[in-house]
Structures are given as structure tokens and as C-alpha cells.
Amino acid sequence: MRTLACGLALVAAALEGAQVPRPAPELAIKLPTGEQLLLSQFRGKVVAIEFLLTTCPACQEASRLLEKLYQEYGPRGFQPIGVAFNDMAMMLVPDYIKDQKLTFPVGVGTRQSVLDFLQHSPMMRMLVPQLVFVDRKGVIRAQYAADDPFFSDKEKNMRLQIESLLAEGGGGLKKAPPASRTRKSSGVK
């Protein structure tokens, strides 16, 4: 009986989702050039991190939209970063960058580092893209999975999130609309 209760508690915790807001842990990604990029390098900017699979059409669409928003909001302090974590990502990222016409950094992370950053249970399947917004002080303010209603009107919602965080200046632990908790889902895209 105790084992069943413990198992149910673990499943319930996994379904709860990631804590938002929370301090962003360090995230290291390896760029195709061999250089390492650290999330902490962008402290002082509003950062959107897209966790993606290079073969995923929804990820490709989200990356192109982030590029468009980067061109518009970059001068005001907005910085997108792409983190691919599919098999053979290091070989696929250069073509991904070229095919999607991206000027923001896209690199590779390990599956475990992505799961840890997202507070995503390895027992749960993950939909991609996963999008995380980090404020200027390094606090994760919002986190969205591909099945979140946020993606039903992603351009409008990304703009609202970016504009809200840019307007704050210094950031903090207040939630920026439309903040949501990550929903765990049962399918991989």
C-alpha cells in the first residue's frame, strides 16, 4: 500500500509542472562552431529559450517567429536562443539555422540538461517546442509546452510576453501575463 501511495505521489508531482517563477539555472549549449554559450551571458536581456527538435515543423515555425520578433525587439533587449536536443543535433543544427534563416544563436544541449532546466520528469513524454521566457534578472517568468493554449495564437502571445518583460526593466518575481505553468503531456511531437 505504501509503494502505491509513493508511486501516485510521484505521478502527481510530475503532472503538476514546472515552478514558475523560479531563478533560471545555468544553461550551457554547444554551438556548431564548438564554442559554449551560457545563459548567464545574457543577464540584463529578456531571453526566450526555444527547446526544439530540428526535424519538428512546429519548432521550425516557432524559430522563424522568434527570428521575426528578434529583428523587431532585439534593439530593445530581447534575445532568443535555440537549444536542439534531438539525436545527431550537432550535425543538423547548421542546416537548421540556414534553412530557417536564423541570426540568433542555436546550439545543442543534452536531453538530461533540457529535462533538468525545464523541471520535466523523464517519466513523462515531452511535446516540442518548449518555450521559456527569462527576465532581465535571470528569473524564469513563463514556460510553455507545445500543447499549451499559448501556442494557439503564438505570435500575439509571444509579443505580449516579450513586451511585458521589456517594459519591466529590472524584472523580479512578479508574474508577467500570460504566465502559465507547463503542462505535462503524454505525446512527443
N, C-alpha and C. Protein backbone atom coordinates (compact mmCIF):
# COMPACT_ATOMS: atom_id res chain seq x y z
N MET A 1 0.82 -1.20 0.00
CA MET A 1 0.00 0.00 0.00
C MET A 1 0.87 1.26 0.00
N ARG A 2 1.93 1.23 0.80
CA ARG A 2 2.83 2.38 0.88
C ARG A 2 3.49 2.63 -0.48
N THR A 3 3.88 1.57 -1.19
CA THR A 3 4.51 1.70 -2.50
C THR A 3 3.56 2.36 -3.50
N LEU A 4 2.29 1.95 -3.46
CA LEU A 4 1.30 2.54 -4.35
C LEU A 4 1.12 4.02 -4.06
N ALA A 5 1.06 4.39 -2.79
CA ALA A 5 0.92 5.80 -2.41
C ALA A 5 2.11 6.62 -2.87
N CYS A 6 3.32 6.07 -2.72
CA CYS A 6 4.52 6.78 -3.17
C CYS A 6 4.50 6.95 -4.68
N GLY A 7 4.09 5.91 -5.38
CA GLY A 7 4.03 5.97 -6.84
C GLY A 7 3.03 7.02 -7.30
N LEU A 8 1.87 7.06 -6.68
CA LEU A 8 0.86 8.06 -7.03
C LEU A 8 1.34 9.47 -6.73
N ALA A 9 2.07 9.65 -5.64
CA ALA A 9 2.61 10.97 -5.29
C ALA A 9 3.62 11.41 -6.35
N LEU A 10 4.45 10.50 -6.84
CA LEU A 10 5.42 10.85 -7.88
C LEU A 10 4.73 11.24 -9.18
N VAL A 11 3.69 10.50 -9.56
CA VAL A 11 2.96 10.83 -10.78
C VAL A 11 2.28 12.19 -10.63
N ALA A 12 1.67 12.44 -9.49
CA ALA A 12 1.01 13.73 -9.26
C ALA A 12 2.01 14.87 -9.34
N ALA A 13 3.19 14.69 -8.75
CA ALA A 13 4.22 15.73 -8.81
C ALA A 13 4.68 15.97 -10.24
N ALA A 14 4.82 14.91 -11.01
CA ALA A 14 5.26 15.05 -12.40
C ALA A 14 4.23 15.79 -13.24
N LEU A 15 2.94 15.58 -12.93
CA LEU A 15 1.88 16.23 -13.70
C LEU A 15 1.69 17.69 -13.32
N GLU A 16 2.17 18.09 -12.15
CA GLU A 16 2.00 19.45 -11.68
C GLU A 16 2.67 20.47 -12.59
N GLY A 17 3.80 20.13 -13.12
CA GLY A 17 4.51 21.06 -13.99
C GLY A 17 5.61 21.79 -13.27
N ALA A 18 6.27 22.62 -14.02
CA ALA A 18 7.41 23.35 -13.50
C ALA A 18 6.96 24.53 -12.65
N GLN A 19 7.78 24.86 -11.69
CA GLN A 19 7.50 26.02 -10.84
C GLN A 19 7.84 27.29 -11.62
N VAL A 20 6.89 28.21 -11.68
CA VAL A 20 7.09 29.50 -12.33
C VAL A 20 6.47 30.55 -11.44
N PRO A 21 7.18 31.61 -11.08
CA PRO A 21 8.55 31.96 -11.46
C PRO A 21 9.56 31.18 -10.61
N ARG A 22 10.79 31.11 -11.13
CA ARG A 22 11.90 30.49 -10.43
C ARG A 22 13.19 31.04 -11.00
N PRO A 23 14.25 31.07 -10.22
CA PRO A 23 15.54 31.51 -10.76
C PRO A 23 15.97 30.55 -11.87
N ALA A 24 16.46 31.09 -12.97
CA ALA A 24 16.92 30.25 -14.08
C ALA A 24 18.26 29.62 -13.70
N PRO A 25 18.34 28.30 -13.77
CA PRO A 25 19.65 27.69 -13.54
C PRO A 25 20.56 27.99 -14.73
N GLU A 26 21.84 27.79 -14.55
CA GLU A 26 22.76 27.98 -15.68
C GLU A 26 22.41 26.96 -16.76
N LEU A 27 22.48 27.40 -17.97
CA LEU A 27 22.24 26.53 -19.12
C LEU A 27 23.41 26.71 -20.07
N ALA A 28 24.06 25.63 -20.40
CA ALA A 28 25.18 25.66 -21.34
C ALA A 28 24.76 24.94 -22.61
N ILE A 29 24.97 25.60 -23.75
CA ILE A 29 24.71 24.95 -25.02
C ILE A 29 25.96 25.02 -25.87
N LYS A 30 26.13 24.00 -26.66
CA LYS A 30 27.30 23.94 -27.53
C LYS A 30 26.88 24.41 -28.92
N LEU A 31 27.58 25.43 -29.40
CA LEU A 31 27.29 25.97 -30.72
C LEU A 31 27.98 25.12 -31.79
N PRO A 32 27.48 25.18 -33.03
CA PRO A 32 28.11 24.40 -34.11
C PRO A 32 29.58 24.76 -34.33
N THR A 33 30.00 25.93 -33.90
CA THR A 33 31.40 26.35 -34.03
C THR A 33 32.29 25.68 -33.00
N GLY A 34 31.67 24.98 -32.03
CA GLY A 34 32.42 24.34 -30.97
C GLY A 34 32.47 25.19 -29.70
N GLU A 35 32.07 26.45 -29.81
CA GLU A 35 32.04 27.32 -28.64
C GLU A 35 30.89 26.94 -27.71
N GLN A 36 31.04 27.28 -26.44
CA GLN A 36 29.97 27.06 -25.47
C GLN A 36 29.30 28.39 -25.16
N LEU A 37 27.99 28.39 -25.15
CA LEU A 37 27.20 29.57 -24.84
C LEU A 37 26.52 29.34 -23.50
N LEU A 38 26.56 30.33 -22.62
CA LEU A 38 25.92 30.22 -21.31
C LEU A 38 24.75 31.20 -21.22
N LEU A 39 23.66 30.75 -20.64
CA LEU A 39 22.50 31.62 -20.45
C LEU A 39 22.89 32.86 -19.66
N SER A 40 23.76 32.72 -18.68
CA SER A 40 24.15 33.85 -17.83
C SER A 40 24.82 34.97 -18.63
N GLN A 41 25.32 34.69 -19.83
CA GLN A 41 25.91 35.73 -20.67
C GLN A 41 24.89 36.77 -21.09
N PHE A 42 23.61 36.43 -20.99
CA PHE A 42 22.55 37.32 -21.47
C PHE A 42 21.81 38.02 -20.33
N ARG A 43 22.38 37.99 -19.11
CA ARG A 43 21.77 38.69 -17.99
C ARG A 43 21.63 40.15 -18.38
N GLY A 44 20.50 40.74 -18.07
CA GLY A 44 20.23 42.12 -18.47
C GLY A 44 19.35 42.19 -19.71
N LYS A 45 19.15 41.06 -20.38
CA LYS A 45 18.26 40.99 -21.54
C LYS A 45 17.07 40.12 -21.22
N VAL A 46 16.00 40.31 -21.96
CA VAL A 46 14.85 39.41 -21.90
C VAL A 46 15.15 38.27 -22.86
N VAL A 47 15.14 37.05 -22.37
CA VAL A 47 15.55 35.90 -23.17
C VAL A 47 14.37 34.95 -23.37
N ALA A 48 14.21 34.49 -24.60
CA ALA A 48 13.28 33.41 -24.91
C ALA A 48 14.13 32.22 -25.34
N ILE A 49 13.98 31.12 -24.64
CA ILE A 49 14.72 29.90 -24.98
C ILE A 49 13.73 28.93 -25.61
N GLU A 50 14.04 28.53 -26.83
CA GLU A 50 13.22 27.52 -27.50
C GLU A 50 13.97 26.19 -27.44
N PHE A 51 13.37 25.21 -26.76
CA PHE A 51 13.90 23.86 -26.75
C PHE A 51 13.21 23.13 -27.89
N LEU A 52 14.00 22.59 -28.81
CA LEU A 52 13.46 22.13 -30.08
C LEU A 52 14.09 20.85 -30.58
N LEU A 53 13.41 20.25 -31.53
CA LEU A 53 13.95 19.17 -32.34
C LEU A 53 14.09 19.74 -33.74
N THR A 54 15.23 19.55 -34.36
CA THR A 54 15.48 20.17 -35.68
C THR A 54 14.55 19.64 -36.75
N THR A 55 13.96 18.48 -36.55
CA THR A 55 13.07 17.87 -37.55
C THR A 55 11.60 18.20 -37.32
N CYS A 56 11.30 18.98 -36.31
CA CYS A 56 9.92 19.27 -35.91
C CYS A 56 9.39 20.51 -36.65
N PRO A 57 8.33 20.36 -37.46
CA PRO A 57 7.76 21.52 -38.17
C PRO A 57 7.27 22.63 -37.24
N ALA A 58 6.68 22.27 -36.10
CA ALA A 58 6.21 23.29 -35.16
C ALA A 58 7.39 24.06 -34.56
N CYS A 59 8.51 23.38 -34.36
CA CYS A 59 9.72 24.04 -33.85
C CYS A 59 10.28 24.99 -34.91
N GLN A 60 10.28 24.55 -36.14
CA GLN A 60 10.78 25.38 -37.24
C GLN A 60 9.94 26.65 -37.34
N GLU A 61 8.63 26.50 -37.23
CA GLU A 61 7.73 27.67 -37.30
C GLU A 61 7.99 28.61 -36.12
N ALA A 62 8.15 28.05 -34.92
CA ALA A 62 8.42 28.88 -33.74
C ALA A 62 9.75 29.61 -33.88
N SER A 63 10.76 28.92 -34.43
CA SER A 63 12.07 29.56 -34.62
C SER A 63 11.98 30.73 -35.59
N ARG A 64 11.25 30.55 -36.68
CA ARG A 64 11.10 31.64 -37.65
C ARG A 64 10.37 32.83 -37.01
N LEU A 65 9.38 32.55 -36.17
CA LEU A 65 8.66 33.62 -35.49
C LEU A 65 9.58 34.33 -34.49
N LEU A 66 10.37 33.56 -33.75
CA LEU A 66 11.33 34.18 -32.83
C LEU A 66 12.33 35.06 -33.58
N GLU A 67 12.74 34.64 -34.77
CA GLU A 67 13.64 35.46 -35.60
C GLU A 67 12.98 36.78 -35.96
N LYS A 68 11.72 36.71 -36.37
CA LYS A 68 10.97 37.93 -36.72
C LYS A 68 10.89 38.87 -35.51
N LEU A 69 10.59 38.31 -34.34
CA LEU A 69 10.48 39.13 -33.13
C LEU A 69 11.85 39.64 -32.69
N TYR A 70 12.89 38.88 -32.93
CA TYR A 70 14.25 39.31 -32.62
C TYR A 70 14.63 40.53 -33.45
N GLN A 71 14.26 40.52 -34.71
CA GLN A 71 14.55 41.67 -35.57
C GLN A 71 13.83 42.92 -35.06
N GLU A 72 12.63 42.72 -34.54
CA GLU A 72 11.83 43.84 -34.04
C GLU A 72 12.23 44.30 -32.64
N TYR A 73 12.40 43.34 -31.72
CA TYR A 73 12.62 43.67 -30.31
C TYR A 73 14.08 43.58 -29.86
N GLY A 74 14.94 43.02 -30.69
CA GLY A 74 16.35 42.87 -30.33
C GLY A 74 17.00 44.16 -29.88
N PRO A 75 16.79 45.26 -30.61
CA PRO A 75 17.41 46.53 -30.19
C PRO A 75 16.95 47.01 -28.80
N ARG A 76 15.81 46.51 -28.33
CA ARG A 76 15.30 46.90 -27.01
C ARG A 76 15.74 45.93 -25.91
N GLY A 77 16.49 44.89 -26.28
CA GLY A 77 17.00 43.98 -25.25
C GLY A 77 16.42 42.58 -25.28
N PHE A 78 15.78 42.18 -26.38
CA PHE A 78 15.23 40.82 -26.48
C PHE A 78 16.24 39.90 -27.16
N GLN A 79 16.45 38.70 -26.58
CA GLN A 79 17.42 37.74 -27.12
C GLN A 79 16.83 36.33 -27.14
N PRO A 80 16.51 35.79 -28.32
CA PRO A 80 16.13 34.38 -28.38
C PRO A 80 17.36 33.48 -28.44
N ILE A 81 17.20 32.26 -27.96
CA ILE A 81 18.24 31.22 -28.02
C ILE A 81 17.53 29.92 -28.37
N GLY A 82 18.11 29.15 -29.27
CA GLY A 82 17.56 27.84 -29.61
C GLY A 82 18.44 26.75 -29.03
N VAL A 83 17.79 25.72 -28.47
CA VAL A 83 18.52 24.57 -27.92
C VAL A 83 17.92 23.30 -28.53
N ALA A 84 18.66 22.70 -29.45
CA ALA A 84 18.24 21.44 -30.06
C ALA A 84 18.74 20.29 -29.20
N PHE A 85 17.91 19.26 -29.06
CA PHE A 85 18.33 18.13 -28.24
C PHE A 85 17.97 16.78 -28.85
N ASN A 86 17.72 16.78 -30.16
CA ASN A 86 17.43 15.51 -30.81
C ASN A 86 18.71 14.77 -31.17
N ASP A 87 18.58 13.51 -31.53
CA ASP A 87 19.73 12.71 -31.94
C ASP A 87 20.43 13.39 -33.11
N MET A 88 21.74 13.39 -33.08
CA MET A 88 22.58 13.97 -34.13
C MET A 88 22.34 15.47 -34.34
N ALA A 89 21.87 16.14 -33.29
CA ALA A 89 21.56 17.57 -33.40
C ALA A 89 22.77 18.38 -33.84
N MET A 90 23.96 18.03 -33.35
CA MET A 90 25.14 18.82 -33.70
C MET A 90 25.36 18.83 -35.21
N MET A 91 25.04 17.74 -35.87
CA MET A 91 25.19 17.68 -37.33
C MET A 91 24.05 18.42 -38.04
N LEU A 92 22.89 18.47 -37.41
CA LEU A 92 21.69 19.03 -38.04
C LEU A 92 21.51 20.53 -37.82
N VAL A 93 22.06 21.07 -36.74
CA VAL A 93 21.85 22.47 -36.40
C VAL A 93 22.34 23.45 -37.47
N PRO A 94 23.51 23.26 -38.07
CA PRO A 94 23.93 24.23 -39.09
C PRO A 94 22.93 24.37 -40.24
N ASP A 95 22.37 23.27 -40.72
CA ASP A 95 21.35 23.35 -41.78
C ASP A 95 20.05 23.94 -41.25
N TYR A 96 19.72 23.65 -40.00
CA TYR A 96 18.52 24.22 -39.38
C TYR A 96 18.62 25.74 -39.36
N ILE A 97 19.75 26.25 -38.92
CA ILE A 97 19.98 27.70 -38.87
C ILE A 97 19.85 28.30 -40.27
N LYS A 98 20.49 27.66 -41.24
CA LYS A 98 20.47 28.16 -42.62
C LYS A 98 19.07 28.08 -43.22
N ASP A 99 18.41 26.94 -43.07
CA ASP A 99 17.08 26.75 -43.67
C ASP A 99 16.03 27.68 -43.06
N GLN A 100 16.13 27.96 -41.77
CA GLN A 100 15.15 28.83 -41.11
C GLN A 100 15.58 30.30 -41.16
N LYS A 101 16.76 30.56 -41.70
CA LYS A 101 17.31 31.92 -41.84
C LYS A 101 17.40 32.61 -40.47
N LEU A 102 18.05 31.94 -39.51
CA LEU A 102 18.13 32.44 -38.15
C LEU A 102 19.43 33.19 -37.92
N THR A 103 19.32 34.31 -37.21
CA THR A 103 20.51 35.08 -36.84
C THR A 103 20.79 35.01 -35.34
N PHE A 104 19.88 34.42 -34.57
CA PHE A 104 20.12 34.25 -33.14
C PHE A 104 20.82 32.91 -32.91
N PRO A 105 21.50 32.76 -31.76
CA PRO A 105 22.26 31.54 -31.51
C PRO A 105 21.37 30.31 -31.34
N VAL A 106 21.75 29.26 -32.03
CA VAL A 106 21.10 27.95 -31.88
C VAL A 106 22.22 26.95 -31.66
N GLY A 107 22.09 26.19 -30.61
CA GLY A 107 23.10 25.19 -30.29
C GLY A 107 22.46 23.90 -29.83
N VAL A 108 23.25 23.09 -29.17
CA VAL A 108 22.83 21.75 -28.77
C VAL A 108 22.96 21.60 -27.27
N GLY A 109 21.97 20.97 -26.67
CA GLY A 109 22.01 20.61 -25.26
C GLY A 109 21.72 19.12 -25.14
N THR A 110 22.11 18.55 -24.03
CA THR A 110 21.79 17.14 -23.81
C THR A 110 20.34 17.02 -23.38
N ARG A 111 19.77 15.87 -23.64
CA ARG A 111 18.37 15.64 -23.23
C ARG A 111 18.23 15.84 -21.71
N GLN A 112 19.20 15.34 -20.95
CA GLN A 112 19.12 15.46 -19.49
C GLN A 112 19.20 16.91 -19.05
N SER A 113 20.07 17.71 -19.66
CA SER A 113 20.18 19.12 -19.26
C SER A 113 18.88 19.87 -19.59
N VAL A 114 18.24 19.49 -20.70
CA VAL A 114 16.96 20.11 -21.07
C VAL A 114 15.87 19.73 -20.06
N LEU A 115 15.77 18.45 -19.75
CA LEU A 115 14.78 17.99 -18.77
C LEU A 115 14.98 18.68 -17.42
N ASP A 116 16.24 18.78 -16.98
CA ASP A 116 16.54 19.43 -15.71
C ASP A 116 16.14 20.90 -15.74
N PHE A 117 16.51 21.61 -16.80
CA PHE A 117 16.20 23.04 -16.90
C PHE A 117 14.69 23.26 -16.87
N LEU A 118 13.96 22.41 -17.59
CA LEU A 118 12.51 22.57 -17.70
C LEU A 118 11.75 22.01 -16.49
N GLN A 119 12.46 21.36 -15.57
CA GLN A 119 11.83 20.66 -14.45
C GLN A 119 10.81 19.65 -14.99
N HIS A 120 11.20 18.93 -16.01
CA HIS A 120 10.32 17.98 -16.69
C HIS A 120 10.73 16.57 -16.30
N SER A 121 9.81 15.80 -15.81
CA SER A 121 10.10 14.43 -15.40
C SER A 121 10.50 13.59 -16.61
N PRO A 122 11.58 12.81 -16.48
CA PRO A 122 11.96 11.93 -17.58
C PRO A 122 10.94 10.81 -17.80
N MET A 123 10.03 10.62 -16.85
CA MET A 123 9.00 9.60 -16.99
C MET A 123 7.86 10.06 -17.89
N MET A 124 7.80 11.36 -18.14
CA MET A 124 6.72 11.92 -18.96
C MET A 124 7.26 12.24 -20.35
N ARG A 125 6.43 12.02 -21.35
CA ARG A 125 6.83 12.39 -22.71
C ARG A 125 6.70 13.90 -22.85
N MET A 126 7.50 14.47 -23.72
CA MET A 126 7.53 15.92 -23.84
C MET A 126 7.19 16.36 -25.26
N LEU A 127 6.28 17.30 -25.37
CA LEU A 127 5.96 17.91 -26.65
C LEU A 127 6.91 19.07 -26.90
N VAL A 128 7.26 19.29 -28.14
CA VAL A 128 8.10 20.42 -28.51
C VAL A 128 7.39 21.22 -29.59
N PRO A 129 7.68 22.53 -29.67
CA PRO A 129 8.69 23.23 -28.90
C PRO A 129 8.26 23.48 -27.46
N GLN A 130 9.26 23.69 -26.63
CA GLN A 130 9.08 24.18 -25.27
C GLN A 130 9.66 25.58 -25.28
N LEU A 131 8.94 26.54 -24.77
CA LEU A 131 9.37 27.93 -24.81
C LEU A 131 9.42 28.48 -23.39
N VAL A 132 10.58 29.06 -23.03
CA VAL A 132 10.80 29.59 -21.69
C VAL A 132 11.19 31.06 -21.82
N PHE A 133 10.57 31.92 -21.02
CA PHE A 133 10.91 33.34 -21.01
C PHE A 133 11.61 33.67 -19.70
N VAL A 134 12.77 34.30 -19.83
CA VAL A 134 13.60 34.67 -18.69
C VAL A 134 13.72 36.19 -18.66
N ASP A 135 13.47 36.78 -17.48
CA ASP A 135 13.54 38.24 -17.38
C ASP A 135 14.98 38.72 -17.28
N ARG A 136 15.15 40.03 -17.21
CA ARG A 136 16.49 40.64 -17.22
C ARG A 136 17.34 40.25 -16.01
N LYS A 137 16.68 39.83 -14.92
CA LYS A 137 17.41 39.45 -13.71
C LYS A 137 17.70 37.96 -13.65
N GLY A 138 17.34 37.23 -14.68
CA GLY A 138 17.62 35.80 -14.71
C GLY A 138 16.57 34.94 -14.02
N VAL A 139 15.32 35.41 -14.01
CA VAL A 139 14.23 34.66 -13.41
C VAL A 139 13.33 34.12 -14.53
N ILE A 140 13.05 32.82 -14.48
CA ILE A 140 12.12 32.23 -15.44
C ILE A 140 10.74 32.71 -15.06
N ARG A 141 10.12 33.43 -15.99
CA ARG A 141 8.82 34.04 -15.72
C ARG A 141 7.66 33.29 -16.35
N ALA A 142 7.94 32.51 -17.39
CA ALA A 142 6.88 31.74 -18.05
C ALA A 142 7.51 30.57 -18.78
N GLN A 143 6.74 29.50 -18.89
CA GLN A 143 7.22 28.30 -19.56
C GLN A 143 6.02 27.63 -20.22
N TYR A 144 6.15 27.35 -21.51
CA TYR A 144 5.04 26.81 -22.28
C TYR A 144 5.46 25.58 -23.08
N ALA A 145 4.62 24.55 -23.03
CA ALA A 145 4.81 23.37 -23.87
C ALA A 145 3.96 23.53 -25.12
N ALA A 146 4.28 22.77 -26.15
CA ALA A 146 3.61 22.89 -27.44
C ALA A 146 2.09 22.73 -27.36
N ASP A 147 1.58 22.02 -26.37
CA ASP A 147 0.14 21.82 -26.25
C ASP A 147 -0.54 22.87 -25.38
N ASP A 148 0.20 23.87 -24.92
CA ASP A 148 -0.36 24.95 -24.11
C ASP A 148 -1.20 25.86 -25.00
N PRO A 149 -2.32 26.38 -24.49
CA PRO A 149 -3.13 27.33 -25.28
C PRO A 149 -2.32 28.55 -25.77
N PHE A 150 -1.20 28.84 -25.11
CA PHE A 150 -0.30 29.92 -25.53
C PHE A 150 0.03 29.80 -27.02
N PHE A 151 0.21 28.57 -27.52
CA PHE A 151 0.61 28.36 -28.91
C PHE A 151 -0.54 28.48 -29.90
N SER A 152 -1.79 28.60 -29.43
CA SER A 152 -2.91 28.74 -30.36
C SER A 152 -2.86 30.09 -31.08
N ASP A 153 -2.29 31.10 -30.44
CA ASP A 153 -2.05 32.40 -31.07
C ASP A 153 -0.66 32.85 -30.65
N LYS A 154 0.33 32.07 -31.10
CA LYS A 154 1.69 32.24 -30.57
C LYS A 154 2.30 33.59 -30.85
N GLU A 155 2.07 34.18 -32.02
CA GLU A 155 2.70 35.47 -32.27
C GLU A 155 2.16 36.53 -31.31
N LYS A 156 0.86 36.59 -31.16
CA LYS A 156 0.26 37.57 -30.25
C LYS A 156 0.76 37.33 -28.82
N ASN A 157 0.75 36.07 -28.39
CA ASN A 157 1.16 35.77 -27.01
C ASN A 157 2.65 35.98 -26.78
N MET A 158 3.47 35.66 -27.77
CA MET A 158 4.91 35.93 -27.64
C MET A 158 5.15 37.43 -27.52
N ARG A 159 4.47 38.20 -28.36
CA ARG A 159 4.61 39.67 -28.30
C ARG A 159 4.21 40.20 -26.92
N LEU A 160 3.08 39.74 -26.41
CA LEU A 160 2.62 40.19 -25.09
C LEU A 160 3.66 39.86 -24.02
N GLN A 161 4.19 38.64 -24.07
CA GLN A 161 5.17 38.22 -23.07
C GLN A 161 6.44 39.07 -23.17
N ILE A 162 6.95 39.23 -24.38
CA ILE A 162 8.19 39.99 -24.59
C ILE A 162 7.99 41.46 -24.19
N GLU A 163 6.91 42.07 -24.65
CA GLU A 163 6.66 43.48 -24.33
C GLU A 163 6.50 43.69 -22.84
N SER A 164 5.82 42.77 -22.17
CA SER A 164 5.64 42.88 -20.73
C SER A 164 6.98 42.83 -20.00
N LEU A 165 7.82 41.88 -20.38
CA LEU A 165 9.12 41.76 -19.70
C LEU A 165 10.06 42.90 -20.06
N LEU A 166 10.02 43.37 -21.30
CA LEU A 166 10.85 44.52 -21.68
C LEU A 166 10.42 45.78 -20.92
N ALA A 167 9.12 45.93 -20.71
CA ALA A 167 8.60 47.12 -20.02
C ALA A 167 8.99 47.13 -18.55
N GLU A 168 9.23 45.97 -17.96
CA GLU A 168 9.58 45.90 -16.55
C GLU A 168 10.96 46.46 -16.26
N GLY A 169 11.82 46.40 -17.22
CA GLY A 169 13.18 46.86 -16.97
C GLY A 169 13.94 45.87 -16.13
N GLY A 170 13.87 46.00 -14.81
CA GLY A 170 14.68 45.18 -13.92
C GLY A 170 14.16 43.79 -13.65
N GLY A 171 12.88 43.52 -13.82
CA GLY A 171 12.36 42.18 -13.57
C GLY A 171 11.93 41.99 -12.15
N GLY A 172 12.12 40.81 -11.65
CA GLY A 172 11.68 40.47 -10.31
C GLY A 172 10.91 39.17 -10.35
N LEU A 173 10.17 38.89 -9.29
CA LEU A 173 9.43 37.64 -9.23
C LEU A 173 7.95 37.80 -9.48
N LYS A 174 7.50 38.96 -9.94
CA LYS A 174 6.10 39.12 -10.30
C LYS A 174 5.85 38.35 -11.59
N LYS A 175 4.68 37.76 -11.71
CA LYS A 175 4.36 37.02 -12.93
C LYS A 175 3.97 38.00 -14.01
N ALA A 176 4.46 37.72 -15.21
CA ALA A 176 4.11 38.54 -16.37
C ALA A 176 3.00 37.86 -17.14
N PRO A 177 1.95 38.58 -17.51
CA PRO A 177 0.89 37.93 -18.27
C PRO A 177 1.40 37.55 -19.65
N PRO A 178 0.98 36.52 -20.30
CA PRO A 178 0.10 35.49 -19.78
C PRO A 178 0.91 34.33 -19.24
N ALA A 179 1.32 34.40 -17.99
CA ALA A 179 2.13 33.33 -17.40
C ALA A 179 1.30 32.07 -17.24
N SER A 180 1.94 30.93 -17.42
CA SER A 180 1.25 29.67 -17.21
C SER A 180 2.25 28.67 -16.66
N ARG A 181 1.73 27.61 -16.15
CA ARG A 181 2.58 26.51 -15.70
C ARG A 181 2.68 25.55 -16.86
N THR A 182 3.81 24.90 -16.96
CA THR A 182 3.97 23.90 -18.01
C THR A 182 3.04 22.75 -17.74
N ARG A 183 2.34 22.33 -18.76
CA ARG A 183 1.51 21.14 -18.62
C ARG A 183 2.28 19.98 -19.20
N LYS A 184 2.32 18.92 -18.47
CA LYS A 184 2.97 17.71 -18.95
C LYS A 184 1.97 16.99 -19.84
N SER A 185 2.47 16.40 -20.90
CA SER A 185 1.56 15.71 -21.79
C SER A 185 2.08 14.33 -22.09
N SER A 186 1.28 13.56 -22.77
CA SER A 186 1.63 12.17 -22.99
C SER A 186 2.14 11.89 -24.40
N GLY A 187 2.37 12.90 -25.20
CA GLY A 187 2.82 12.63 -26.55
C GLY A 187 4.06 13.42 -26.90
N VAL A 188 4.86 12.92 -27.81
CA VAL A 188 6.03 13.63 -28.31
C VAL A 188 5.73 14.06 -29.71
N LYS A 189 6.10 15.24 -30.02
CA LYS A 189 5.90 15.78 -31.36
C LYS A 189 7.18 15.74 -32.11
